[in-house]
């Protein structure tokens, strides 16, 4: 990638140009420009929210409604072609830009984080929404596919962008990190760290999906605990997880067509599914709430036994940090500049 100074001075390019560069991603992080939109950077007095997987489903609804309520929204998506209609829809509701993000490749996550850090002084909300289910495979970095995309990529992105949240928190109300998990985590009876470095074992991938969602809840709680230990209370940056409900969204796109309608026909709509994400992102009554798991009704719930295992949460944090090449400890709070 180019220097941060080059990132700041370069004018945002069109989605078509982003697409051309995205096709050359054999060496992640080497394409220079990852933004597309109005190109104006942070708008004076406007809060900024970053929503991953905002090109479709509850991520798109979350991004659109945040824009409608006055946020400048960064749609963090993997495919510029698929994200273009979503960007247009969100821009009709408010202010939005597209940021290319491939959560399945850690070098690509680092490239996006570098780009964002170079352009955004403060981010007030991060919604870790992107995910996949029912898909088998292994990431280029050698992790089980669901775990790599649903947990490890978001873990790396969140930790790298934490300074922007800390700067936002100094403006007044706490900044927020929202982790879209799933009730599927309650079905997980054990956590096999060895399996995380192997290709998906199950035929459906749903067992591994549950593990990745358990990792989301563990990460949300451990991040909250570490921030509290460093900063005290009330929290300056909150971290909460949620179950959105079982949603008829694009997350089931890998399921073959004859089966997919049968699987999704009784599911909630994406509008219903986005409700709890939006509540955790902007409800003033949650300013001081952190380390909590919410159900799809927006009410705080107790997660599973494993999700409440502090030793497991700590081990997952430490392993994730090592795999991502990060220090175990969260650095001191971002400077005021």
C-alpha atoms as a PDB file:
ATOM      1  CA  UNK A   1       0.000   0.000   0.000  1.00  0.00           C
ATOM      2  CA  UNK A   2       0.969   3.614  -0.393  1.00  0.00           C
ATOM      3  CA  UNK A   3       1.768   5.871   2.527  1.00  0.00           C
ATOM      4  CA  UNK A   4      -0.913   7.315   4.749  1.00  0.00           C
ATOM      5  CA  UNK A   5      -0.142  10.736   3.306  1.00  0.00           C
ATOM      6  CA  UNK A   6      -0.954   9.431  -0.145  1.00  0.00           C
ATOM      7  CA  UNK A   7      -4.215   7.979   1.188  1.00  0.00           C
ATOM      8  CA  UNK A   8      -5.238  11.348   2.609  1.00  0.00           C
ATOM      9  CA  UNK A   9      -4.527  13.269  -0.584  1.00  0.00           C
ATOM     10  CA  UNK A  10      -5.901  10.828  -3.105  1.00  0.00           C
ATOM     11  CA  UNK A  11      -9.392  11.590  -4.408  1.00  0.00           C
ATOM     12  CA  UNK A  12     -11.912   8.765  -3.998  1.00  0.00           C
ATOM     13  CA  UNK A  13     -12.297   6.744  -7.168  1.00  0.00           C
ATOM     14  CA  UNK A  14     -15.400   5.318  -8.803  1.00  0.00           C
ATOM     15  CA  UNK A  15     -16.835   1.906  -8.012  1.00  0.00           C
ATOM     16  CA  UNK A  16     -15.771   0.781 -11.488  1.00  0.00           C
ATOM     17  CA  UNK A  17     -12.160   1.709 -10.799  1.00  0.00           C
ATOM     18  CA  UNK A  18     -12.300   0.023  -7.416  1.00  0.00           C
ATOM     19  CA  UNK A  19     -13.578  -3.100  -9.121  1.00  0.00           C
ATOM     20  CA  UNK A  20     -10.656  -3.158 -11.530  1.00  0.00           C
ATOM     21  CA  UNK A  21      -8.176  -2.873  -8.667  1.00  0.00           C
ATOM     22  CA  UNK A  22     -10.074  -5.419  -6.614  1.00  0.00           C
ATOM     23  CA  UNK A  23      -9.580  -8.007  -9.357  1.00  0.00           C
ATOM     24  CA  UNK A  24      -5.824  -7.696  -8.864  1.00  0.00           C
ATOM     25  CA  UNK A  25      -6.014  -8.760  -5.235  1.00  0.00           C
ATOM     26  CA  UNK A  26      -3.644 -11.694  -5.591  1.00  0.00           C
ATOM     27  CA  UNK A  27      -1.403  -9.665  -3.282  1.00  0.00           C
ATOM     28  CA  UNK A  28      -3.829  -8.265  -0.688  1.00  0.00           C
ATOM     29  CA  UNK A  29      -3.069  -4.784   0.505  1.00  0.00           C
ATOM     30  CA  UNK A  30      -1.093  -3.725  -2.567  1.00  0.00           C
ATOM     31  CA  UNK A  31      -3.970  -1.892  -4.263  1.00  0.00           C
ATOM     32  CA  UNK A  32      -3.820   1.722  -3.070  1.00  0.00           C
ATOM     33  CA  UNK A  33      -7.405   2.901  -2.935  1.00  0.00           C
ATOM     34  CA  UNK A  34     -10.179   1.188  -1.010  1.00  0.00           C
ATOM     35  CA  UNK A  35     -12.724   3.989  -0.687  1.00  0.00           C
ATOM     36  CA  UNK A  36     -15.518   5.136  -2.993  1.00  0.00           C
ATOM     37  CA  UNK A  37     -18.269   7.647  -2.326  1.00  0.00           C
ATOM     38  CA  UNK A  38     -18.396  11.376  -1.859  1.00  0.00           C
ATOM     39  CA  UNK A  39     -14.704  11.412  -0.941  1.00  0.00           C
ATOM     40  CA  UNK A  40     -15.052  14.221   1.547  1.00  0.00           C
ATOM     41  CA  UNK A  41     -13.871  12.396   4.655  1.00  0.00           C
ATOM     42  CA  UNK A  42     -15.278  13.181   8.093  1.00  0.00           C
ATOM     43  CA  UNK A  43     -18.090  15.748   7.950  1.00  0.00           C
ATOM     44  CA  UNK A  44     -18.081  18.415  10.675  1.00  0.00           C
ATOM     45  CA  UNK A  45     -20.451  17.507  13.498  1.00  0.00           C
ATOM     46  CA  UNK A  46     -21.549  14.226  11.897  1.00  0.00           C
ATOM     47  CA  UNK A  47     -20.987  10.906  13.650  1.00  0.00           C
ATOM     48  CA  UNK A  48     -19.447   8.078  11.619  1.00  0.00           C
ATOM     49  CA  UNK A  49     -20.501   4.414  11.685  1.00  0.00           C
ATOM     50  CA  UNK A  50     -18.775   1.512   9.948  1.00  0.00           C
ATOM     51  CA  UNK A  51     -20.968  -1.491   9.089  1.00  0.00           C
ATOM     52  CA  UNK A  52     -19.395  -4.662   7.706  1.00  0.00           C
ATOM     53  CA  UNK A  53     -21.356  -6.764   5.238  1.00  0.00           C
ATOM     54  CA  UNK A  54     -23.567  -3.778   4.461  1.00  0.00           C
ATOM     55  CA  UNK A  55     -24.242  -4.732   0.854  1.00  0.00           C
ATOM     56  CA  UNK A  56     -27.199  -6.960   1.712  1.00  0.00           C
ATOM     57  CA  UNK A  57     -29.491  -8.304   4.443  1.00  0.00           C
ATOM     58  CA  UNK A  58     -29.529  -6.858   7.933  1.00  0.00           C
ATOM     59  CA  UNK A  59     -26.229  -5.098   7.266  1.00  0.00           C
ATOM     60  CA  UNK A  60     -27.810  -3.052   4.488  1.00  0.00           C
ATOM     61  CA  UNK A  61     -30.844  -2.203   6.631  1.00  0.00           C
ATOM     62  CA  UNK A  62     -28.569  -1.253   9.532  1.00  0.00           C
ATOM     63  CA  UNK A  63     -26.454   1.006   7.307  1.00  0.00           C
ATOM     64  CA  UNK A  64     -29.484   2.624   5.673  1.00  0.00           C
ATOM     65  CA  UNK A  65     -31.233   3.376   8.961  1.00  0.00           C
ATOM     66  CA  UNK A  66     -28.073   4.733  10.573  1.00  0.00           C
ATOM     67  CA  UNK A  67     -27.669   7.060   7.575  1.00  0.00           C
ATOM     68  CA  UNK A  68     -31.308   8.072   7.860  1.00  0.00           C
ATOM     69  CA  UNK A  69     -30.778   8.991  11.510  1.00  0.00           C
ATOM     70  CA  UNK A  70     -27.840  11.254  10.690  1.00  0.00           C
ATOM     71  CA  UNK A  71     -24.735   9.076  10.702  1.00  0.00           C
ATOM     72  CA  UNK A  72     -22.171   9.146   7.950  1.00  0.00           C
ATOM     73  CA  UNK A  73     -21.941   5.443   7.139  1.00  0.00           C
ATOM     74  CA  UNK A  74     -18.984   3.473   5.810  1.00  0.00           C
ATOM     75  CA  UNK A  75     -20.229   0.343   4.052  1.00  0.00           C
ATOM     76  CA  UNK A  76     -17.424  -2.186   4.470  1.00  0.00           C
ATOM     77  CA  UNK A  77     -17.937  -4.825   1.778  1.00  0.00           C
ATOM     78  CA  UNK A  78     -15.862  -7.325  -0.182  1.00  0.00           C
ATOM     79  CA  UNK A  79     -17.280  -6.864  -3.688  1.00  0.00           C
ATOM     80  CA  UNK A  80     -17.618  -3.379  -5.202  1.00  0.00           C
ATOM     81  CA  UNK A  81     -20.013  -4.680  -7.862  1.00  0.00           C
ATOM     82  CA  UNK A  82     -22.378  -6.222  -5.312  1.00  0.00           C
ATOM     83  CA  UNK A  83     -22.051  -3.237  -2.992  1.00  0.00           C
ATOM     84  CA  UNK A  84     -22.826  -0.575  -5.622  1.00  0.00           C
ATOM     85  CA  UNK A  85     -26.652  -0.877  -5.407  1.00  0.00           C
ATOM     86  CA  UNK A  86     -26.478  -0.882  -1.603  1.00  0.00           C
ATOM     87  CA  UNK A  87     -24.287   2.215  -1.603  1.00  0.00           C
ATOM     88  CA  UNK A  88     -26.789   3.986  -3.835  1.00  0.00           C
ATOM     89  CA  UNK A  89     -29.671   2.984  -1.548  1.00  0.00           C
ATOM     90  CA  UNK A  90     -27.918   4.159   1.612  1.00  0.00           C
ATOM     91  CA  UNK A  91     -26.881   7.431  -0.044  1.00  0.00           C
ATOM     92  CA  UNK A  92     -30.551   8.116  -0.797  1.00  0.00           C
ATOM     93  CA  UNK A  93     -31.118   7.963   2.974  1.00  0.00           C
ATOM     94  CA  UNK A  94     -28.096  10.019   3.978  1.00  0.00           C
ATOM     95  CA  UNK A  95     -24.301  10.189   3.679  1.00  0.00           C
ATOM     96  CA  UNK A  96     -22.354   7.052   2.813  1.00  0.00           C
ATOM     97  CA  UNK A  97     -19.108   5.744   1.368  1.00  0.00           C
ATOM     98  CA  UNK A  98     -17.897   2.298   0.328  1.00  0.00           C
ATOM     99  CA  UNK A  99     -14.819   0.707   1.873  1.00  0.00           C
ATOM    100  CA  UNK A 100     -13.500  -2.528   0.418  1.00  0.00           C
ATOM    101  CA  UNK A 101     -13.031  -5.201   3.081  1.00  0.00           C
ATOM    102  CA  UNK A 102     -12.234  -8.898   2.717  1.00  0.00           C
ATOM    103  CA  UNK A 103     -12.565 -10.444   6.166  1.00  0.00           C
ATOM    104  CA  UNK A 104     -11.357 -13.817   4.907  1.00  0.00           C
ATOM    105  CA  UNK A 105      -7.788 -12.616   4.331  1.00  0.00           C
ATOM    106  CA  UNK A 106      -5.882 -11.016   7.203  1.00  0.00           C
ATOM    107  CA  UNK A 107      -3.568  -9.014   4.938  1.00  0.00           C
ATOM    108  CA  UNK A 108      -6.623  -7.504   3.255  1.00  0.00           C
ATOM    109  CA  UNK A 109      -8.069  -6.598   6.662  1.00  0.00           C
ATOM    110  CA  UNK A 110      -4.805  -4.861   7.561  1.00  0.00           C
ATOM    111  CA  UNK A 111      -4.873  -2.955   4.275  1.00  0.00           C
ATOM    112  CA  UNK A 112      -8.410  -1.733   4.891  1.00  0.00           C
ATOM    113  CA  UNK A 113      -7.606  -0.768   8.481  1.00  0.00           C
ATOM    114  CA  UNK A 114      -4.584   1.228   7.319  1.00  0.00           C
ATOM    115  CA  UNK A 115      -6.744   3.028   4.785  1.00  0.00           C
ATOM    116  CA  UNK A 116      -9.432   3.814   7.347  1.00  0.00           C
ATOM    117  CA  UNK A 117      -6.906   4.995   9.946  1.00  0.00           C
ATOM    118  CA  UNK A 118      -5.436   7.319   7.354  1.00  0.00           C
ATOM    119  CA  UNK A 119      -8.788   8.906   6.528  1.00  0.00           C
ATOM    120  CA  UNK A 120     -10.927   8.713   9.654  1.00  0.00           C
ATOM    121  CA  UNK A 121      -9.992  10.559  12.797  1.00  0.00           C
ATOM    122  CA  UNK A 122     -12.981   9.223  14.738  1.00  0.00           C
ATOM    123  CA  UNK A 123     -15.489   6.394  14.300  1.00  0.00           C
ATOM    124  CA  UNK A 124     -18.401   6.378  16.710  1.00  0.00           C
ATOM    125  CA  UNK A 125     -19.919   2.965  15.938  1.00  0.00           C
ATOM    126  CA  UNK A 126     -18.586  -0.256  14.431  1.00  0.00           C
ATOM    127  CA  UNK A 127     -21.160  -2.933  13.618  1.00  0.00           C
ATOM    128  CA  UNK A 128     -19.416  -6.256  13.021  1.00  0.00           C
ATOM    129  CA  UNK A 129     -22.258  -7.657  10.942  1.00  0.00           C
ATOM    130  CA  UNK A 130     -20.634  -9.556   8.052  1.00  0.00           C
ATOM    131  CA  UNK A 131     -20.650 -13.316   8.204  1.00  0.00           C
ATOM    132  CA  UNK A 132     -21.284 -16.548   6.391  1.00  0.00           C
ATOM    133  CA  UNK A 133     -23.045 -19.791   7.261  1.00  0.00           C
ATOM    134  CA  UNK A 134     -23.363 -23.231   5.756  1.00  0.00           C
ATOM    135  CA  UNK A 135     -20.101 -22.845   3.840  1.00  0.00           C
ATOM    136  CA  UNK A 136     -17.167 -25.251   3.958  1.00  0.00           C
ATOM    137  CA  UNK A 137     -13.520 -24.471   3.367  1.00  0.00           C
ATOM    138  CA  UNK A 138     -10.421 -22.802   4.706  1.00  0.00           C
ATOM    139  CA  UNK A 139      -9.169 -19.223   4.500  1.00  0.00           C
ATOM    140  CA  UNK A 140      -5.936 -18.331   2.665  1.00  0.00           C
ATOM    141  CA  UNK A 141      -4.356 -17.885   6.101  1.00  0.00           C
ATOM    142  CA  UNK A 142      -5.193 -21.468   7.037  1.00  0.00           C
ATOM    143  CA  UNK A 143      -8.215 -21.044   9.321  1.00  0.00           C
ATOM    144  CA  UNK A 144     -11.552 -22.842   9.202  1.00  0.00           C
ATOM    145  CA  UNK A 145     -13.643 -20.688   6.888  1.00  0.00           C
ATOM    146  CA  UNK A 146     -16.475 -19.624   9.207  1.00  0.00           C
ATOM    147  CA  UNK A 147     -14.091 -18.937  12.087  1.00  0.00           C
ATOM    148  CA  UNK A 148     -11.762 -16.908   9.878  1.00  0.00           C
ATOM    149  CA  UNK A 149     -14.471 -14.757   8.307  1.00  0.00           C
ATOM    150  CA  UNK A 150     -16.893 -14.494  11.234  1.00  0.00           C
ATOM    151  CA  UNK A 151     -14.422 -14.046  14.088  1.00  0.00           C
ATOM    152  CA  UNK A 152     -10.747 -13.606  13.239  1.00  0.00           C
ATOM    153  CA  UNK A 153     -11.182 -10.959  10.527  1.00  0.00           C
ATOM    154  CA  UNK A 154     -13.539  -8.860  12.704  1.00  0.00           C
ATOM    155  CA  UNK A 155     -11.235  -9.318  15.708  1.00  0.00           C
ATOM    156  CA  UNK A 156      -8.293  -7.903  13.750  1.00  0.00           C
ATOM    157  CA  UNK A 157     -10.309  -5.065  12.222  1.00  0.00           C
ATOM    158  CA  UNK A 158     -11.801  -4.025  15.563  1.00  0.00           C
ATOM    159  CA  UNK A 159      -8.500  -3.988  17.382  1.00  0.00           C
ATOM    160  CA  UNK A 160      -6.770  -2.016  14.637  1.00  0.00           C
ATOM    161  CA  UNK A 161      -9.567   0.582  14.502  1.00  0.00           C
ATOM    162  CA  UNK A 162      -9.910   0.944  18.267  1.00  0.00           C
ATOM    163  CA  UNK A 163      -7.990   4.279  18.307  1.00  0.00           C
ATOM    164  CA  UNK A 164     -10.684   5.863  16.126  1.00  0.00           C
ATOM    165  CA  UNK A 165     -13.376   4.762  18.589  1.00  0.00           C
ATOM    166  CA  UNK A 166     -11.404   6.132  21.531  1.00  0.00           C
ATOM    167  CA  UNK A 167     -11.099   9.514  19.831  1.00  0.00           C
ATOM    168  CA  UNK A 168     -14.841   9.522  19.158  1.00  0.00           C
ATOM    169  CA  UNK A 169     -15.520   8.762  22.820  1.00  0.00           C
ATOM    170  CA  UNK A 170     -13.730  11.936  23.853  1.00  0.00           C
ATOM    171  CA  UNK A 171     -16.405  13.918  22.036  1.00  0.00           C
ATOM    172  CA  UNK A 172     -18.991  12.972  24.645  1.00  0.00           C
ATOM    173  CA  UNK A 173     -21.008   9.738  24.676  1.00  0.00           C
ATOM    174  CA  UNK A 174     -19.179   6.386  24.568  1.00  0.00           C
ATOM    175  CA  UNK A 175     -18.328   4.886  21.207  1.00  0.00           C
ATOM    176  CA  UNK A 176     -19.888   1.497  20.480  1.00  0.00           C
ATOM    177  CA  UNK A 177     -18.845  -1.843  19.047  1.00  0.00           C
ATOM    178  CA  UNK A 178     -21.760  -4.073  18.076  1.00  0.00           C
ATOM    179  CA  UNK A 179     -21.062  -7.764  17.412  1.00  0.00           C
ATOM    180  CA  UNK A 180     -23.762  -9.607  15.451  1.00  0.00           C
ATOM    181  CA  UNK A 181     -23.564 -13.123  16.901  1.00  0.00           C
ATOM    182  CA  UNK A 182     -26.285 -15.780  16.941  1.00  0.00           C
ATOM    183  CA  UNK A 183     -28.239 -18.005  19.273  1.00  0.00           C
ATOM    184  CA  UNK A 184     -26.504 -20.838  17.407  1.00  0.00           C
ATOM    185  CA  UNK A 185     -23.668 -20.389  19.895  1.00  0.00           C
ATOM    186  CA  UNK A 186     -25.703 -22.180  22.593  1.00  0.00           C
ATOM    187  CA  UNK A 187     -25.467 -25.488  20.698  1.00  0.00           C
ATOM    188  CA  UNK A 188     -21.669 -25.567  20.996  1.00  0.00           C
ATOM    189  CA  UNK A 189     -20.617 -27.992  23.756  1.00  0.00           C
ATOM    190  CA  UNK A 190     -16.829 -27.704  23.434  1.00  0.00           C
ATOM    191  CA  UNK A 191     -14.257 -25.426  21.848  1.00  0.00           C
ATOM    192  CA  UNK A 192     -11.571 -27.257  19.855  1.00  0.00           C
ATOM    193  CA  UNK A 193      -8.738 -24.830  19.076  1.00  0.00           C
ATOM    194  CA  UNK A 194      -7.056 -27.413  16.853  1.00  0.00           C
ATOM    195  CA  UNK A 195     -10.084 -27.556  14.546  1.00  0.00           C
ATOM    196  CA  UNK A 196      -9.799 -23.819  13.926  1.00  0.00           C
ATOM    197  CA  UNK A 197      -6.646 -24.430  11.855  1.00  0.00           C
ATOM    198  CA  UNK A 198      -8.255 -27.071   9.636  1.00  0.00           C
ATOM    199  CA  UNK A 199     -10.722 -27.156   6.774  1.00  0.00           C
ATOM    200  CA  UNK A 200     -14.400 -27.356   7.765  1.00  0.00           C
ATOM    201  CA  UNK A 201     -15.051 -30.868   9.028  1.00  0.00           C
ATOM    202  CA  UNK A 202     -18.856 -31.110   9.050  1.00  0.00           C
ATOM    203  CA  UNK A 203     -20.880 -31.724   5.907  1.00  0.00           C
ATOM    204  CA  UNK A 204     -23.071 -28.651   6.408  1.00  0.00           C
ATOM    205  CA  UNK A 205     -20.706 -26.207   8.099  1.00  0.00           C
ATOM    206  CA  UNK A 206     -23.383 -25.339  10.651  1.00  0.00           C
ATOM    207  CA  UNK A 207     -21.422 -26.725  13.598  1.00  0.00           C
ATOM    208  CA  UNK A 208     -18.472 -24.537  12.679  1.00  0.00           C
ATOM    209  CA  UNK A 209     -20.826 -21.579  12.239  1.00  0.00           C
ATOM    210  CA  UNK A 210     -21.968 -22.055  15.836  1.00  0.00           C
ATOM    211  CA  UNK A 211     -18.352 -22.054  17.014  1.00  0.00           C
ATOM    212  CA  UNK A 212     -17.700 -18.809  15.150  1.00  0.00           C
ATOM    213  CA  UNK A 213     -20.757 -17.212  16.756  1.00  0.00           C
ATOM    214  CA  UNK A 214     -19.625 -18.382  20.189  1.00  0.00           C
ATOM    215  CA  UNK A 215     -16.313 -16.685  19.403  1.00  0.00           C
ATOM    216  CA  UNK A 216     -18.236 -13.462  18.665  1.00  0.00           C
ATOM    217  CA  UNK A 217     -19.845 -13.490  22.118  1.00  0.00           C
ATOM    218  CA  UNK A 218     -16.585 -14.387  23.851  1.00  0.00           C
ATOM    219  CA  UNK A 219     -14.782 -11.582  22.011  1.00  0.00           C
ATOM    220  CA  UNK A 220     -17.464  -9.022  22.862  1.00  0.00           C
ATOM    221  CA  UNK A 221     -17.298  -9.876  26.556  1.00  0.00           C
ATOM    222  CA  UNK A 222     -13.506 -10.103  26.781  1.00  0.00           C
ATOM    223  CA  UNK A 223     -13.044  -6.823  24.917  1.00  0.00           C
ATOM    224  CA  UNK A 224     -15.454  -5.127  27.311  1.00  0.00           C
ATOM    225  CA  UNK A 225     -13.628  -6.594  30.312  1.00  0.00           C
ATOM    226  CA  UNK A 226     -10.212  -5.495  29.063  1.00  0.00           C
ATOM    227  CA  UNK A 227     -11.387  -1.984  28.259  1.00  0.00           C
ATOM    228  CA  UNK A 228     -12.982  -1.727  31.708  1.00  0.00           C
ATOM    229  CA  UNK A 229      -9.772  -2.950  33.369  1.00  0.00           C
ATOM    230  CA  UNK A 230      -7.791  -0.326  31.468  1.00  0.00           C
ATOM    231  CA  UNK A 231     -10.187   2.647  31.616  1.00  0.00           C
ATOM    232  CA  UNK A 232     -12.525   1.957  34.519  1.00  0.00           C
ATOM    233  CA  UNK A 233     -16.219   2.802  34.516  1.00  0.00           C
ATOM    234  CA  UNK A 234     -18.311   4.269  33.018  1.00  0.00           C
ATOM    235  CA  UNK A 235     -17.057   2.790  29.732  1.00  0.00           C
ATOM    236  CA  UNK A 236     -15.560   5.014  27.049  1.00  0.00           C
ATOM    237  CA  UNK A 237     -16.029   2.343  24.382  1.00  0.00           C
ATOM    238  CA  UNK A 238     -18.764  -0.275  24.814  1.00  0.00           C
ATOM    239  CA  UNK A 239     -18.762  -3.796  23.373  1.00  0.00           C
ATOM    240  CA  UNK A 240     -21.996  -5.797  23.170  1.00  0.00           C
ATOM    241  CA  UNK A 241     -23.183  -8.851  21.236  1.00  0.00           C
ATOM    242  CA  UNK A 242     -26.604  -9.824  19.941  1.00  0.00           C
ATOM    243  CA  UNK A 243     -28.726 -12.505  18.363  1.00  0.00           C
ATOM    244  CA  UNK A 244     -30.607 -10.919  15.434  1.00  0.00           C
ATOM    245  CA  UNK A 245     -33.070 -13.750  15.055  1.00  0.00           C
ATOM    246  CA  UNK A 246     -33.046 -16.335  12.305  1.00  0.00           C
ATOM    247  CA  UNK A 247     -33.092 -14.125   9.243  1.00  0.00           C
ATOM    248  CA  UNK A 248     -33.968 -14.847   5.611  1.00  0.00           C
ATOM    249  CA  UNK A 249     -30.870 -13.114   4.312  1.00  0.00           C
ATOM    250  CA  UNK A 250     -27.946 -13.667   1.967  1.00  0.00           C
ATOM    251  CA  UNK A 251     -25.988 -15.454   4.693  1.00  0.00           C
ATOM    252  CA  UNK A 252     -27.673 -18.654   3.454  1.00  0.00           C
ATOM    253  CA  UNK A 253     -26.615 -18.081  -0.163  1.00  0.00           C
ATOM    254  CA  UNK A 254     -24.389 -21.172  -0.269  1.00  0.00           C
ATOM    255  CA  UNK A 255     -27.302 -23.544   0.457  1.00  0.00           C
ATOM    256  CA  UNK A 256     -28.502 -25.194  -2.794  1.00  0.00           C
ATOM    257  CA  UNK A 257     -31.647 -23.670  -4.293  1.00  0.00           C
ATOM    258  CA  UNK A 258     -34.066 -26.600  -3.813  1.00  0.00           C
ATOM    259  CA  UNK A 259     -33.325 -26.561  -0.075  1.00  0.00           C
ATOM    260  CA  UNK A 260     -32.868 -22.821   0.536  1.00  0.00           C
ATOM    261  CA  UNK A 261     -36.565 -21.795   0.317  1.00  0.00           C
ATOM    262  CA  UNK A 262     -37.509 -24.544   2.777  1.00  0.00           C
ATOM    263  CA  UNK A 263     -34.816 -23.362   5.211  1.00  0.00           C
ATOM    264  CA  UNK A 264     -35.675 -19.656   5.025  1.00  0.00           C
ATOM    265  CA  UNK A 265     -39.468 -19.514   4.641  1.00  0.00           C
ATOM    266  CA  UNK A 266     -40.226 -19.203   8.383  1.00  0.00           C
ATOM    267  CA  UNK A 267     -37.385 -16.796   9.111  1.00  0.00           C
ATOM    268  CA  UNK A 268     -37.665 -13.135  10.136  1.00  0.00           C
ATOM    269  CA  UNK A 269     -37.323 -10.330   7.619  1.00  0.00           C
ATOM    270  CA  UNK A 270     -34.091  -8.379   7.363  1.00  0.00           C
ATOM    271  CA  UNK A 271     -35.875  -5.285   8.689  1.00  0.00           C
ATOM    272  CA  UNK A 272     -36.898  -7.215  11.818  1.00  0.00           C
ATOM    273  CA  UNK A 273     -33.421  -8.688  12.103  1.00  0.00           C
ATOM    274  CA  UNK A 274     -31.696  -5.295  12.057  1.00  0.00           C
ATOM    275  CA  UNK A 275     -33.730  -3.928  14.970  1.00  0.00           C
ATOM    276  CA  UNK A 276     -31.425  -5.087  17.763  1.00  0.00           C
ATOM    277  CA  UNK A 277     -28.268  -4.011  15.905  1.00  0.00           C
ATOM    278  CA  UNK A 278     -29.761  -0.545  15.550  1.00  0.00           C
ATOM    279  CA  UNK A 279     -30.761  -0.453  19.204  1.00  0.00           C
ATOM    280  CA  UNK A 280     -27.250  -1.332  20.353  1.00  0.00           C
ATOM    281  CA  UNK A 281     -25.756   1.194  17.918  1.00  0.00           C
ATOM    282  CA  UNK A 282     -27.781   4.268  18.857  1.00  0.00           C
ATOM    283  CA  UNK A 283     -30.102   3.857  21.883  1.00  0.00           C
ATOM    284  CA  UNK A 284     -29.012   6.456  24.499  1.00  0.00           C
ATOM    285  CA  UNK A 285     -30.200   4.206  27.321  1.00  0.00           C
ATOM    286  CA  UNK A 286     -27.317   1.824  26.489  1.00  0.00           C
ATOM    287  CA  UNK A 287     -24.527   4.387  26.836  1.00  0.00           C
ATOM    288  CA  UNK A 288     -23.130   2.669  29.931  1.00  0.00           C
ATOM    289  CA  UNK A 289     -23.999  -0.946  29.010  1.00  0.00           C
ATOM    290  CA  UNK A 290     -21.090  -3.133  27.961  1.00  0.00           C
ATOM    291  CA  UNK A 291     -20.130  -6.812  27.906  1.00  0.00           C
ATOM    292  CA  UNK A 292     -23.778  -7.816  27.463  1.00  0.00           C
ATOM    293  CA  UNK A 293     -25.544 -10.238  25.129  1.00  0.00           C
ATOM    294  CA  UNK A 294     -28.957  -9.239  23.741  1.00  0.00           C
ATOM    295  CA  UNK A 295     -31.698 -11.401  22.249  1.00  0.00           C
ATOM    296  CA  UNK A 296     -33.577 -10.611  19.050  1.00  0.00           C
ATOM    297  CA  UNK A 297     -36.206  -8.847  21.153  1.00  0.00           C
ATOM    298  CA  UNK A 298     -33.623  -6.268  22.226  1.00  0.00           C
ATOM    299  CA  UNK A 299     -33.586  -7.531  25.824  1.00  0.00           C
ATOM    300  CA  UNK A 300     -30.372  -8.465  27.652  1.00  0.00           C
ATOM    301  CA  UNK A 301     -30.027 -12.258  27.952  1.00  0.00           C
ATOM    302  CA  UNK A 302     -27.622 -14.672  29.564  1.00  0.00           C
ATOM    303  CA  UNK A 303     -25.505 -16.383  26.887  1.00  0.00           C
ATOM    304  CA  UNK A 304     -24.445 -20.013  27.071  1.00  0.00           C
ATOM    305  CA  UNK A 305     -22.227 -21.546  29.731  1.00  0.00           C
ATOM    306  CA  UNK A 306     -19.235 -21.562  27.386  1.00  0.00           C
ATOM    307  CA  UNK A 307     -19.878 -17.941  26.407  1.00  0.00           C
ATOM    308  CA  UNK A 308     -19.603 -17.020  30.101  1.00  0.00           C
ATOM    309  CA  UNK A 309     -16.327 -18.928  30.554  1.00  0.00           C
ATOM    310  CA  UNK A 310     -13.794 -16.199  31.381  1.00  0.00           C
ATOM    311  CA  UNK A 311     -10.813 -18.527  30.963  1.00  0.00           C
ATOM    312  CA  UNK A 312     -11.990 -19.583  27.498  1.00  0.00           C
ATOM    313  CA  UNK A 313     -12.582 -15.951  26.521  1.00  0.00           C
ATOM    314  CA  UNK A 314      -9.065 -15.066  27.639  1.00  0.00           C
ATOM    315  CA  UNK A 315      -7.535 -18.003  25.767  1.00  0.00           C
ATOM    316  CA  UNK A 316      -9.436 -17.145  22.586  1.00  0.00           C
ATOM    317  CA  UNK A 317      -8.278 -13.520  22.858  1.00  0.00           C
ATOM    318  CA  UNK A 318      -4.661 -14.548  23.326  1.00  0.00           C
ATOM    319  CA  UNK A 319      -4.742 -17.046  20.456  1.00  0.00           C
ATOM    320  CA  UNK A 320      -6.485 -14.558  18.165  1.00  0.00           C
ATOM    321  CA  UNK A 321      -3.920 -11.888  19.004  1.00  0.00           C
ATOM    322  CA  UNK A 322      -1.053 -14.275  18.246  1.00  0.00           C
ATOM    323  CA  UNK A 323      -2.616 -15.414  14.965  1.00  0.00           C
ATOM    324  CA  UNK A 324      -3.125 -11.767  13.943  1.00  0.00           C
ATOM    325  CA  UNK A 325       0.351 -10.674  15.018  1.00  0.00           C
ATOM    326  CA  UNK A 326      -1.001  -8.297  17.670  1.00  0.00           C
ATOM    327  CA  UNK A 327       0.121  -7.741  21.253  1.00  0.00           C
ATOM    328  CA  UNK A 328      -2.021  -9.413  23.862  1.00  0.00           C
ATOM    329  CA  UNK A 329      -2.619  -6.161  25.763  1.00  0.00           C
ATOM    330  CA  UNK A 330      -4.718  -3.331  24.388  1.00  0.00           C
ATOM    331  CA  UNK A 331      -2.393  -0.330  23.990  1.00  0.00           C
ATOM    332  CA  UNK A 332      -2.879   2.827  26.006  1.00  0.00           C
ATOM    333  CA  UNK A 333      -5.749   5.028  24.889  1.00  0.00           C
ATOM    334  CA  UNK A 334      -5.315   6.891  21.596  1.00  0.00           C
ATOM    335  CA  UNK A 335      -3.805  10.349  21.879  1.00  0.00           C
ATOM    336  CA  UNK A 336      -6.009  13.392  21.640  1.00  0.00           C
ATOM    337  CA  UNK A 337      -4.596  14.603  18.328  1.00  0.00           C
END
